[in-house]
């Protein structure tokens, strides 16, 4: 088995998929918690992040039951303030990386079109 095939098999295992889904669910929960309904600009950003993580989970498990999973997560005693803060840091970094990638794509497309980037 090649290294690539072995890596793909490892990623495709149910346990690895469960870990990825749990990490993404925690990010979804973080951003849902940060959407307060008071600041439309903040909430728009949080909604974008929520949809990103819903899409990641849905791509792995199309019939995923978000409601019960979120209810279980919010009830977990181990998902306390420290765990939330750690997840917020991790998830924020992930979203920052994706945002930087999108900005770079936009800059490259603008440069190719001969237009200044925003």
C-alpha atoms as a PDB file:
ATOM      1  CA  UNK A   1       0.000   0.000   0.000  1.00  0.00           C
ATOM      2  CA  UNK A   2       1.397   3.389  -0.903  1.00  0.00           C
ATOM      3  CA  UNK A   3       1.808   6.110   1.674  1.00  0.00           C
ATOM      4  CA  UNK A   4      -0.978   8.115   0.043  1.00  0.00           C
ATOM      5  CA  UNK A   5      -3.362   5.155   0.065  1.00  0.00           C
ATOM      6  CA  UNK A   6      -2.548   4.437   3.706  1.00  0.00           C
ATOM      7  CA  UNK A   7      -3.135   8.067   4.652  1.00  0.00           C
ATOM      8  CA  UNK A   8      -6.434   8.109   2.781  1.00  0.00           C
ATOM      9  CA  UNK A   9      -7.532   4.913   4.524  1.00  0.00           C
ATOM     10  CA  UNK A  10      -6.636   6.381   7.913  1.00  0.00           C
ATOM     11  CA  UNK A  11      -8.629   9.531   7.238  1.00  0.00           C
ATOM     12  CA  UNK A  12     -11.601   7.532   6.009  1.00  0.00           C
ATOM     13  CA  UNK A  13     -11.925   5.444   9.175  1.00  0.00           C
ATOM     14  CA  UNK A  14     -15.091   6.014  11.185  1.00  0.00           C
ATOM     15  CA  UNK A  15     -13.102   7.094  14.252  1.00  0.00           C
ATOM     16  CA  UNK A  16     -11.184   9.730  12.267  1.00  0.00           C
ATOM     17  CA  UNK A  17     -14.419  10.951  10.699  1.00  0.00           C
ATOM     18  CA  UNK A  18     -16.056  11.144  14.135  1.00  0.00           C
ATOM     19  CA  UNK A  19     -13.162  13.254  15.437  1.00  0.00           C
ATOM     20  CA  UNK A  20     -13.378  15.620  12.475  1.00  0.00           C
ATOM     21  CA  UNK A  21     -17.134  15.945  12.837  1.00  0.00           C
ATOM     22  CA  UNK A  22     -16.824  16.602  16.570  1.00  0.00           C
ATOM     23  CA  UNK A  23     -14.194  19.289  15.971  1.00  0.00           C
ATOM     24  CA  UNK A  24     -16.374  20.909  13.306  1.00  0.00           C
ATOM     25  CA  UNK A  25     -19.469  20.660  15.509  1.00  0.00           C
ATOM     26  CA  UNK A  26     -17.588  22.428  18.303  1.00  0.00           C
ATOM     27  CA  UNK A  27     -16.645  25.208  15.869  1.00  0.00           C
ATOM     28  CA  UNK A  28     -20.249  25.494  14.715  1.00  0.00           C
ATOM     29  CA  UNK A  29     -21.311  25.760  18.372  1.00  0.00           C
ATOM     30  CA  UNK A  30     -18.681  28.408  19.122  1.00  0.00           C
ATOM     31  CA  UNK A  31     -19.788  30.632  16.254  1.00  0.00           C
ATOM     32  CA  UNK A  32     -23.478  30.057  17.041  1.00  0.00           C
ATOM     33  CA  UNK A  33     -22.785  31.128  20.623  1.00  0.00           C
ATOM     34  CA  UNK A  34     -21.002  34.276  19.443  1.00  0.00           C
ATOM     35  CA  UNK A  35     -23.926  35.391  17.254  1.00  0.00           C
ATOM     36  CA  UNK A  36     -25.810  37.559  19.711  1.00  0.00           C
ATOM     37  CA  UNK A  37     -28.509  39.087  17.514  1.00  0.00           C
ATOM     38  CA  UNK A  38     -27.415  42.597  18.511  1.00  0.00           C
ATOM     39  CA  UNK A  39     -24.699  43.338  15.973  1.00  0.00           C
ATOM     40  CA  UNK A  40     -25.729  42.603  12.382  1.00  0.00           C
ATOM     41  CA  UNK A  41     -22.174  42.756  11.025  1.00  0.00           C
ATOM     42  CA  UNK A  42     -20.916  40.356  13.715  1.00  0.00           C
ATOM     43  CA  UNK A  43     -23.869  38.056  13.191  1.00  0.00           C
ATOM     44  CA  UNK A  44     -23.280  37.991   9.421  1.00  0.00           C
ATOM     45  CA  UNK A  45     -19.721  36.828  10.016  1.00  0.00           C
ATOM     46  CA  UNK A  46     -20.850  34.237  12.525  1.00  0.00           C
ATOM     47  CA  UNK A  47     -23.528  32.999  10.100  1.00  0.00           C
ATOM     48  CA  UNK A  48     -20.894  32.574   7.398  1.00  0.00           C
ATOM     49  CA  UNK A  49     -18.742  30.546   9.775  1.00  0.00           C
ATOM     50  CA  UNK A  50     -21.732  28.471  10.911  1.00  0.00           C
ATOM     51  CA  UNK A  51     -22.634  27.656   7.314  1.00  0.00           C
ATOM     52  CA  UNK A  52     -19.009  26.740   6.573  1.00  0.00           C
ATOM     53  CA  UNK A  53     -18.965  24.168   9.375  1.00  0.00           C
ATOM     54  CA  UNK A  54     -22.450  22.869   8.531  1.00  0.00           C
ATOM     55  CA  UNK A  55     -21.174  22.277   5.001  1.00  0.00           C
ATOM     56  CA  UNK A  56     -18.084  20.444   6.228  1.00  0.00           C
ATOM     57  CA  UNK A  57     -20.171  18.126   8.404  1.00  0.00           C
ATOM     58  CA  UNK A  58     -22.866  17.676   5.774  1.00  0.00           C
ATOM     59  CA  UNK A  59     -20.232  16.665   3.205  1.00  0.00           C
ATOM     60  CA  UNK A  60     -19.144  13.817   5.481  1.00  0.00           C
ATOM     61  CA  UNK A  61     -22.564  12.803   6.845  1.00  0.00           C
ATOM     62  CA  UNK A  62     -25.421  14.113   4.674  1.00  0.00           C
ATOM     63  CA  UNK A  63     -28.152  13.109   7.152  1.00  0.00           C
ATOM     64  CA  UNK A  64     -26.342  14.409  10.227  1.00  0.00           C
ATOM     65  CA  UNK A  65     -28.700  15.356  13.048  1.00  0.00           C
ATOM     66  CA  UNK A  66     -27.413  18.806  14.053  1.00  0.00           C
ATOM     67  CA  UNK A  67     -30.035  19.583  16.698  1.00  0.00           C
ATOM     68  CA  UNK A  68     -29.486  16.540  18.914  1.00  0.00           C
ATOM     69  CA  UNK A  69     -25.708  16.729  18.423  1.00  0.00           C
ATOM     70  CA  UNK A  70     -25.585  20.379  19.495  1.00  0.00           C
ATOM     71  CA  UNK A  71     -27.858  19.687  22.452  1.00  0.00           C
ATOM     72  CA  UNK A  72     -25.520  16.898  23.567  1.00  0.00           C
ATOM     73  CA  UNK A  73     -22.443  19.079  23.106  1.00  0.00           C
ATOM     74  CA  UNK A  74     -23.883  21.976  25.116  1.00  0.00           C
ATOM     75  CA  UNK A  75     -24.759  19.540  27.923  1.00  0.00           C
ATOM     76  CA  UNK A  76     -21.268  17.986  28.098  1.00  0.00           C
ATOM     77  CA  UNK A  77     -19.618  18.890  31.397  1.00  0.00           C
ATOM     78  CA  UNK A  78     -16.215  18.777  29.703  1.00  0.00           C
ATOM     79  CA  UNK A  79     -17.237  21.547  27.302  1.00  0.00           C
ATOM     80  CA  UNK A  80     -16.661  24.233  29.895  1.00  0.00           C
ATOM     81  CA  UNK A  81     -15.332  27.786  29.608  1.00  0.00           C
ATOM     82  CA  UNK A  82     -11.744  26.604  29.104  1.00  0.00           C
ATOM     83  CA  UNK A  83     -12.726  24.119  26.395  1.00  0.00           C
ATOM     84  CA  UNK A  84     -14.913  26.748  24.727  1.00  0.00           C
ATOM     85  CA  UNK A  85     -12.015  29.233  24.766  1.00  0.00           C
ATOM     86  CA  UNK A  86      -9.638  26.656  23.294  1.00  0.00           C
ATOM     87  CA  UNK A  87     -12.151  25.785  20.578  1.00  0.00           C
ATOM     88  CA  UNK A  88     -12.789  29.464  19.875  1.00  0.00           C
ATOM     89  CA  UNK A  89      -9.054  30.003  19.378  1.00  0.00           C
ATOM     90  CA  UNK A  90      -8.708  26.943  17.117  1.00  0.00           C
ATOM     91  CA  UNK A  91     -11.823  27.676  15.100  1.00  0.00           C
ATOM     92  CA  UNK A  92     -11.002  31.359  14.777  1.00  0.00           C
ATOM     93  CA  UNK A  93      -7.567  30.451  13.435  1.00  0.00           C
ATOM     94  CA  UNK A  94      -9.167  28.067  10.928  1.00  0.00           C
ATOM     95  CA  UNK A  95     -11.561  30.757   9.727  1.00  0.00           C
ATOM     96  CA  UNK A  96      -8.728  33.292   9.587  1.00  0.00           C
ATOM     97  CA  UNK A  97      -6.714  30.926   7.392  1.00  0.00           C
ATOM     98  CA  UNK A  98      -9.671  30.437   5.049  1.00  0.00           C
ATOM     99  CA  UNK A  99     -10.275  34.183   4.950  1.00  0.00           C
ATOM    100  CA  UNK A 100      -6.631  34.805   4.056  1.00  0.00           C
ATOM    101  CA  UNK A 101      -6.860  32.187   1.295  1.00  0.00           C
ATOM    102  CA  UNK A 102      -9.981  33.831  -0.133  1.00  0.00           C
ATOM    103  CA  UNK A 103      -8.350  37.269   0.018  1.00  0.00           C
ATOM    104  CA  UNK A 104      -5.320  35.942  -1.844  1.00  0.00           C
ATOM    105  CA  UNK A 105      -7.568  34.435  -4.514  1.00  0.00           C
ATOM    106  CA  UNK A 106      -9.441  37.724  -4.864  1.00  0.00           C
ATOM    107  CA  UNK A 107      -6.178  39.678  -5.085  1.00  0.00           C
ATOM    108  CA  UNK A 108      -4.841  37.320  -7.771  1.00  0.00           C
ATOM    109  CA  UNK A 109      -8.069  37.530  -9.767  1.00  0.00           C
ATOM    110  CA  UNK A 110      -8.088  41.319  -9.514  1.00  0.00           C
ATOM    111  CA  UNK A 111      -4.448  41.472 -10.628  1.00  0.00           C
ATOM    112  CA  UNK A 112      -5.191  39.226 -13.610  1.00  0.00           C
ATOM    113  CA  UNK A 113      -8.100  41.462 -14.576  1.00  0.00           C
ATOM    114  CA  UNK A 114      -5.932  44.555 -14.186  1.00  0.00           C
ATOM    115  CA  UNK A 115      -8.061  45.948 -11.368  1.00  0.00           C
ATOM    116  CA  UNK A 116      -6.803  47.019  -7.952  1.00  0.00           C
ATOM    117  CA  UNK A 117      -7.688  44.709  -5.076  1.00  0.00           C
ATOM    118  CA  UNK A 118     -10.048  46.030  -2.400  1.00  0.00           C
END
